[in-house]
């Protein structure tokens, strides 16, 4: 029994450290093991046991963010219409990812590390799934490419977590949506 409780505690600590680090990075672009440990409610040694270097922590945060962004797509498509699934993915998931990514990019530049290239491909694949669902539903132009849609959403990279980012994201989604509607073809 103590071993399974320890494993559960270890998993909880790991996830809590990643969640706190993601928020910290999105706000400041910096990762302080002491600050992350304090906010996560664990000792700094616990952070080092899970992530021996700041680069390892930043890369783990990035992988976590990408996985969450990709893995939510089937659930959204099962729960909502294709249009609402795409809008929800952009507003509730992609915008948060973009704000975190900006901070992660700054943290990685400071550490001279690079973001994994397969992560971008996974994100594009998730967006492509949503684009195809909307094209098949007849809500967007079938000729619209995923790359064009991605470029249109690139402005989300400039959102500030300190501002009214959710309303700003909805404005971007409305602008992009109006440009890709099926009645424009």
C-alpha atoms as a PDB file:
ATOM      1  CA  UNK A   1       0.000   0.000   0.000  1.00  0.00           C
ATOM      2  CA  UNK A   2       2.727   2.585   0.827  1.00  0.00           C
ATOM      3  CA  UNK A   3       4.357   2.050  -2.597  1.00  0.00           C
ATOM      4  CA  UNK A   4       1.172   2.823  -4.523  1.00  0.00           C
ATOM      5  CA  UNK A   5       0.524   5.890  -2.360  1.00  0.00           C
ATOM      6  CA  UNK A   6       4.084   7.029  -3.031  1.00  0.00           C
ATOM      7  CA  UNK A   7       3.607   6.552  -6.781  1.00  0.00           C
ATOM      8  CA  UNK A   8       0.359   8.494  -6.676  1.00  0.00           C
ATOM      9  CA  UNK A   9       2.086  11.289  -4.750  1.00  0.00           C
ATOM     10  CA  UNK A  10       4.940  11.262  -7.238  1.00  0.00           C
ATOM     11  CA  UNK A  11       2.527  11.540 -10.179  1.00  0.00           C
ATOM     12  CA  UNK A  12       0.577  14.330  -8.454  1.00  0.00           C
ATOM     13  CA  UNK A  13       3.783  16.229  -7.677  1.00  0.00           C
ATOM     14  CA  UNK A  14       4.994  15.791 -11.244  1.00  0.00           C
ATOM     15  CA  UNK A  15       1.739  17.141 -12.684  1.00  0.00           C
ATOM     16  CA  UNK A  16       1.533  19.970 -10.152  1.00  0.00           C
ATOM     17  CA  UNK A  17       5.110  21.022 -10.943  1.00  0.00           C
ATOM     18  CA  UNK A  18       4.348  21.026 -14.685  1.00  0.00           C
ATOM     19  CA  UNK A  19       1.121  23.008 -14.230  1.00  0.00           C
ATOM     20  CA  UNK A  20       2.816  25.632 -12.068  1.00  0.00           C
ATOM     21  CA  UNK A  21       5.806  25.841 -14.410  1.00  0.00           C
ATOM     22  CA  UNK A  22       3.476  26.349 -17.397  1.00  0.00           C
ATOM     23  CA  UNK A  23       1.746  29.254 -15.663  1.00  0.00           C
ATOM     24  CA  UNK A  24       5.059  30.743 -14.530  1.00  0.00           C
ATOM     25  CA  UNK A  25       6.568  30.521 -17.994  1.00  0.00           C
ATOM     26  CA  UNK A  26       3.514  32.024 -19.686  1.00  0.00           C
ATOM     27  CA  UNK A  27       3.635  34.997 -17.299  1.00  0.00           C
ATOM     28  CA  UNK A  28       7.355  35.694 -17.172  1.00  0.00           C
ATOM     29  CA  UNK A  29       9.185  33.528 -19.712  1.00  0.00           C
ATOM     30  CA  UNK A  30      11.436  32.389 -16.875  1.00  0.00           C
ATOM     31  CA  UNK A  31      11.642  29.206 -14.813  1.00  0.00           C
ATOM     32  CA  UNK A  32      12.862  29.434 -11.244  1.00  0.00           C
ATOM     33  CA  UNK A  33      12.982  26.070  -9.487  1.00  0.00           C
ATOM     34  CA  UNK A  34      12.544  27.805  -6.127  1.00  0.00           C
ATOM     35  CA  UNK A  35       9.469  29.732  -7.291  1.00  0.00           C
ATOM     36  CA  UNK A  36       7.944  26.661  -8.962  1.00  0.00           C
ATOM     37  CA  UNK A  37       8.561  24.537  -5.861  1.00  0.00           C
ATOM     38  CA  UNK A  38       7.008  27.125  -3.567  1.00  0.00           C
ATOM     39  CA  UNK A  39       3.917  27.634  -5.705  1.00  0.00           C
ATOM     40  CA  UNK A  40       3.507  23.872  -6.290  1.00  0.00           C
ATOM     41  CA  UNK A  41       3.772  23.201  -2.564  1.00  0.00           C
ATOM     42  CA  UNK A  42       6.770  20.897  -2.868  1.00  0.00           C
ATOM     43  CA  UNK A  43      10.418  21.125  -1.903  1.00  0.00           C
ATOM     44  CA  UNK A  44      12.941  22.348  -4.435  1.00  0.00           C
ATOM     45  CA  UNK A  45      14.619  18.930  -4.214  1.00  0.00           C
ATOM     46  CA  UNK A  46      11.389  17.376  -5.487  1.00  0.00           C
ATOM     47  CA  UNK A  47      11.503  19.637  -8.533  1.00  0.00           C
ATOM     48  CA  UNK A  48      15.132  18.630  -9.180  1.00  0.00           C
ATOM     49  CA  UNK A  49      14.298  14.931  -8.798  1.00  0.00           C
ATOM     50  CA  UNK A  50      11.640  15.213 -11.488  1.00  0.00           C
ATOM     51  CA  UNK A  51      13.523  17.672 -13.707  1.00  0.00           C
ATOM     52  CA  UNK A  52      17.299  17.791 -13.252  1.00  0.00           C
ATOM     53  CA  UNK A  53      17.729  20.986 -15.297  1.00  0.00           C
ATOM     54  CA  UNK A  54      15.624  24.014 -16.186  1.00  0.00           C
ATOM     55  CA  UNK A  55      15.796  22.886 -19.819  1.00  0.00           C
ATOM     56  CA  UNK A  56      14.304  19.505 -18.886  1.00  0.00           C
ATOM     57  CA  UNK A  57      11.453  21.250 -17.061  1.00  0.00           C
ATOM     58  CA  UNK A  58      10.765  23.629 -19.943  1.00  0.00           C
ATOM     59  CA  UNK A  59      10.762  20.797 -22.487  1.00  0.00           C
ATOM     60  CA  UNK A  60       8.426  18.741 -20.275  1.00  0.00           C
ATOM     61  CA  UNK A  61       6.051  21.701 -19.996  1.00  0.00           C
ATOM     62  CA  UNK A  62       6.100  22.126 -23.753  1.00  0.00           C
ATOM     63  CA  UNK A  63       5.408  18.437 -24.387  1.00  0.00           C
ATOM     64  CA  UNK A  64       2.560  18.537 -21.838  1.00  0.00           C
ATOM     65  CA  UNK A  65       1.002  21.578 -23.507  1.00  0.00           C
ATOM     66  CA  UNK A  66       1.203  20.025 -26.986  1.00  0.00           C
ATOM     67  CA  UNK A  67      -0.231  16.710 -25.776  1.00  0.00           C
ATOM     68  CA  UNK A  68      -3.179  18.452 -24.133  1.00  0.00           C
ATOM     69  CA  UNK A  69      -3.797  20.479 -27.286  1.00  0.00           C
ATOM     70  CA  UNK A  70      -3.784  17.408 -29.520  1.00  0.00           C
ATOM     71  CA  UNK A  71      -5.583  14.944 -27.257  1.00  0.00           C
ATOM     72  CA  UNK A  72      -8.624  17.168 -26.671  1.00  0.00           C
ATOM     73  CA  UNK A  73      -9.647  17.275 -30.365  1.00  0.00           C
ATOM     74  CA  UNK A  74     -11.568  13.948 -30.517  1.00  0.00           C
ATOM     75  CA  UNK A  75     -13.411  14.843 -27.311  1.00  0.00           C
ATOM     76  CA  UNK A  76     -14.423  18.249 -28.682  1.00  0.00           C
ATOM     77  CA  UNK A  77     -15.645  16.735 -31.945  1.00  0.00           C
ATOM     78  CA  UNK A  78     -17.672  14.157 -30.030  1.00  0.00           C
ATOM     79  CA  UNK A  79     -19.240  16.795 -27.789  1.00  0.00           C
ATOM     80  CA  UNK A  80     -19.844  19.722 -30.178  1.00  0.00           C
ATOM     81  CA  UNK A  81     -20.683  20.547 -33.772  1.00  0.00           C
ATOM     82  CA  UNK A  82     -17.557  20.891 -35.947  1.00  0.00           C
ATOM     83  CA  UNK A  83     -17.831  24.699 -35.853  1.00  0.00           C
ATOM     84  CA  UNK A  84     -18.179  24.835 -32.071  1.00  0.00           C
ATOM     85  CA  UNK A  85     -15.400  22.245 -31.638  1.00  0.00           C
ATOM     86  CA  UNK A  86     -13.018  24.391 -33.701  1.00  0.00           C
ATOM     87  CA  UNK A  87     -13.980  27.594 -31.885  1.00  0.00           C
ATOM     88  CA  UNK A  88     -13.653  25.916 -28.474  1.00  0.00           C
ATOM     89  CA  UNK A  89     -10.291  24.435 -29.403  1.00  0.00           C
ATOM     90  CA  UNK A  90      -8.956  27.813 -30.490  1.00  0.00           C
ATOM     91  CA  UNK A  91     -10.376  29.895 -27.610  1.00  0.00           C
ATOM     92  CA  UNK A  92     -10.009  27.460 -24.712  1.00  0.00           C
ATOM     93  CA  UNK A  93      -6.916  25.524 -25.772  1.00  0.00           C
ATOM     94  CA  UNK A  94      -4.847  27.004 -28.606  1.00  0.00           C
ATOM     95  CA  UNK A  95      -4.782  30.531 -27.155  1.00  0.00           C
ATOM     96  CA  UNK A  96      -3.455  29.227 -23.821  1.00  0.00           C
ATOM     97  CA  UNK A  97      -0.875  27.125 -25.652  1.00  0.00           C
ATOM     98  CA  UNK A  98       0.278  30.121 -27.703  1.00  0.00           C
ATOM     99  CA  UNK A  99       0.753  32.265 -24.596  1.00  0.00           C
ATOM    100  CA  UNK A 100       2.672  29.462 -22.903  1.00  0.00           C
ATOM    101  CA  UNK A 101       4.724  28.801 -26.025  1.00  0.00           C
ATOM    102  CA  UNK A 102       5.884  32.401 -26.171  1.00  0.00           C
ATOM    103  CA  UNK A 103       7.179  32.111 -22.612  1.00  0.00           C
ATOM    104  CA  UNK A 104       8.677  28.704 -23.321  1.00  0.00           C
ATOM    105  CA  UNK A 105      10.450  30.026 -26.408  1.00  0.00           C
ATOM    106  CA  UNK A 106      11.970  32.806 -24.305  1.00  0.00           C
ATOM    107  CA  UNK A 107      13.040  30.327 -21.618  1.00  0.00           C
ATOM    108  CA  UNK A 108      14.537  27.966 -24.194  1.00  0.00           C
ATOM    109  CA  UNK A 109      16.419  30.780 -25.928  1.00  0.00           C
ATOM    110  CA  UNK A 110      17.931  31.703 -22.579  1.00  0.00           C
ATOM    111  CA  UNK A 111      19.009  28.083 -22.073  1.00  0.00           C
ATOM    112  CA  UNK A 112      20.091  27.625 -25.721  1.00  0.00           C
ATOM    113  CA  UNK A 113      17.706  24.687 -26.208  1.00  0.00           C
ATOM    114  CA  UNK A 114      15.215  24.167 -29.013  1.00  0.00           C
ATOM    115  CA  UNK A 115      11.582  23.110 -29.044  1.00  0.00           C
ATOM    116  CA  UNK A 116      10.967  19.646 -30.453  1.00  0.00           C
ATOM    117  CA  UNK A 117      10.011  19.875 -34.132  1.00  0.00           C
ATOM    118  CA  UNK A 118       7.510  16.991 -34.014  1.00  0.00           C
ATOM    119  CA  UNK A 119       5.331  19.034 -31.642  1.00  0.00           C
ATOM    120  CA  UNK A 120       4.471  21.522 -34.388  1.00  0.00           C
ATOM    121  CA  UNK A 121       3.505  18.699 -36.740  1.00  0.00           C
ATOM    122  CA  UNK A 122       1.226  17.209 -34.070  1.00  0.00           C
ATOM    123  CA  UNK A 123      -0.474  20.566 -33.540  1.00  0.00           C
ATOM    124  CA  UNK A 124      -0.986  21.074 -37.286  1.00  0.00           C
ATOM    125  CA  UNK A 125      -2.470  17.575 -37.496  1.00  0.00           C
ATOM    126  CA  UNK A 126      -4.945  18.426 -34.705  1.00  0.00           C
ATOM    127  CA  UNK A 127      -5.984  21.617 -36.498  1.00  0.00           C
ATOM    128  CA  UNK A 128      -6.253  19.681 -39.763  1.00  0.00           C
ATOM    129  CA  UNK A 129      -8.675  17.240 -38.128  1.00  0.00           C
ATOM    130  CA  UNK A 130     -10.880  20.156 -37.046  1.00  0.00           C
ATOM    131  CA  UNK A 131     -10.599  21.841 -40.461  1.00  0.00           C
ATOM    132  CA  UNK A 132     -11.599  18.656 -42.271  1.00  0.00           C
ATOM    133  CA  UNK A 133     -14.584  18.122 -39.957  1.00  0.00           C
ATOM    134  CA  UNK A 134     -15.795  21.632 -40.762  1.00  0.00           C
ATOM    135  CA  UNK A 135     -15.202  21.243 -44.495  1.00  0.00           C
ATOM    136  CA  UNK A 136     -17.183  17.977 -44.464  1.00  0.00           C
ATOM    137  CA  UNK A 137     -19.972  19.668 -42.476  1.00  0.00           C
ATOM    138  CA  UNK A 138     -20.104  22.421 -45.098  1.00  0.00           C
ATOM    139  CA  UNK A 139     -19.320  25.224 -42.644  1.00  0.00           C
ATOM    140  CA  UNK A 140     -16.012  26.320 -44.188  1.00  0.00           C
ATOM    141  CA  UNK A 141     -14.590  26.444 -47.684  1.00  0.00           C
ATOM    142  CA  UNK A 142     -13.177  23.037 -48.626  1.00  0.00           C
ATOM    143  CA  UNK A 143     -10.330  24.740 -50.512  1.00  0.00           C
ATOM    144  CA  UNK A 144      -9.002  26.289 -47.291  1.00  0.00           C
ATOM    145  CA  UNK A 145      -5.707  24.695 -46.318  1.00  0.00           C
ATOM    146  CA  UNK A 146      -4.623  23.959 -42.771  1.00  0.00           C
ATOM    147  CA  UNK A 147      -1.455  25.990 -43.344  1.00  0.00           C
ATOM    148  CA  UNK A 148      -3.502  29.061 -44.317  1.00  0.00           C
ATOM    149  CA  UNK A 149      -5.710  28.619 -41.284  1.00  0.00           C
ATOM    150  CA  UNK A 150      -2.643  28.263 -39.066  1.00  0.00           C
ATOM    151  CA  UNK A 151      -1.193  31.472 -40.479  1.00  0.00           C
ATOM    152  CA  UNK A 152      -4.484  33.250 -39.851  1.00  0.00           C
ATOM    153  CA  UNK A 153      -4.362  32.167 -36.220  1.00  0.00           C
ATOM    154  CA  UNK A 154      -0.734  33.252 -35.835  1.00  0.00           C
ATOM    155  CA  UNK A 155      -1.865  36.462 -34.174  1.00  0.00           C
ATOM    156  CA  UNK A 156      -2.721  34.432 -31.079  1.00  0.00           C
ATOM    157  CA  UNK A 157       1.011  34.291 -30.413  1.00  0.00           C
ATOM    158  CA  UNK A 158       0.826  37.961 -29.408  1.00  0.00           C
ATOM    159  CA  UNK A 159      -1.844  37.546 -26.723  1.00  0.00           C
ATOM    160  CA  UNK A 160      -0.919  38.693 -23.253  1.00  0.00           C
ATOM    161  CA  UNK A 161      -1.969  36.589 -20.269  1.00  0.00           C
ATOM    162  CA  UNK A 162      -2.302  39.875 -18.366  1.00  0.00           C
ATOM    163  CA  UNK A 163      -4.902  41.295 -20.765  1.00  0.00           C
ATOM    164  CA  UNK A 164      -8.392  40.221 -21.774  1.00  0.00           C
ATOM    165  CA  UNK A 165      -6.933  37.440 -23.898  1.00  0.00           C
ATOM    166  CA  UNK A 166     -10.146  35.422 -24.067  1.00  0.00           C
ATOM    167  CA  UNK A 167     -12.139  38.271 -25.642  1.00  0.00           C
ATOM    168  CA  UNK A 168      -9.237  39.078 -27.944  1.00  0.00           C
ATOM    169  CA  UNK A 169      -9.094  35.423 -29.004  1.00  0.00           C
ATOM    170  CA  UNK A 170     -12.818  35.387 -29.752  1.00  0.00           C
ATOM    171  CA  UNK A 171     -12.295  38.469 -31.934  1.00  0.00           C
ATOM    172  CA  UNK A 172      -9.537  36.704 -33.871  1.00  0.00           C
ATOM    173  CA  UNK A 173     -11.727  33.611 -34.261  1.00  0.00           C
ATOM    174  CA  UNK A 174     -14.619  35.722 -35.587  1.00  0.00           C
ATOM    175  CA  UNK A 175     -12.305  37.465 -38.054  1.00  0.00           C
ATOM    176  CA  UNK A 176     -10.796  34.193 -39.280  1.00  0.00           C
ATOM    177  CA  UNK A 177     -14.178  32.442 -39.335  1.00  0.00           C
ATOM    178  CA  UNK A 178     -15.688  35.165 -41.519  1.00  0.00           C
ATOM    179  CA  UNK A 179     -12.823  34.696 -43.952  1.00  0.00           C
ATOM    180  CA  UNK A 180     -13.242  30.937 -44.259  1.00  0.00           C
ATOM    181  CA  UNK A 181     -17.029  30.594 -44.404  1.00  0.00           C
ATOM    182  CA  UNK A 182     -18.369  28.397 -47.144  1.00  0.00           C
ATOM    183  CA  UNK A 183     -20.455  31.176 -48.705  1.00  0.00           C
ATOM    184  CA  UNK A 184     -17.296  33.029 -49.757  1.00  0.00           C
ATOM    185  CA  UNK A 185     -16.265  30.488 -52.358  1.00  0.00           C
END
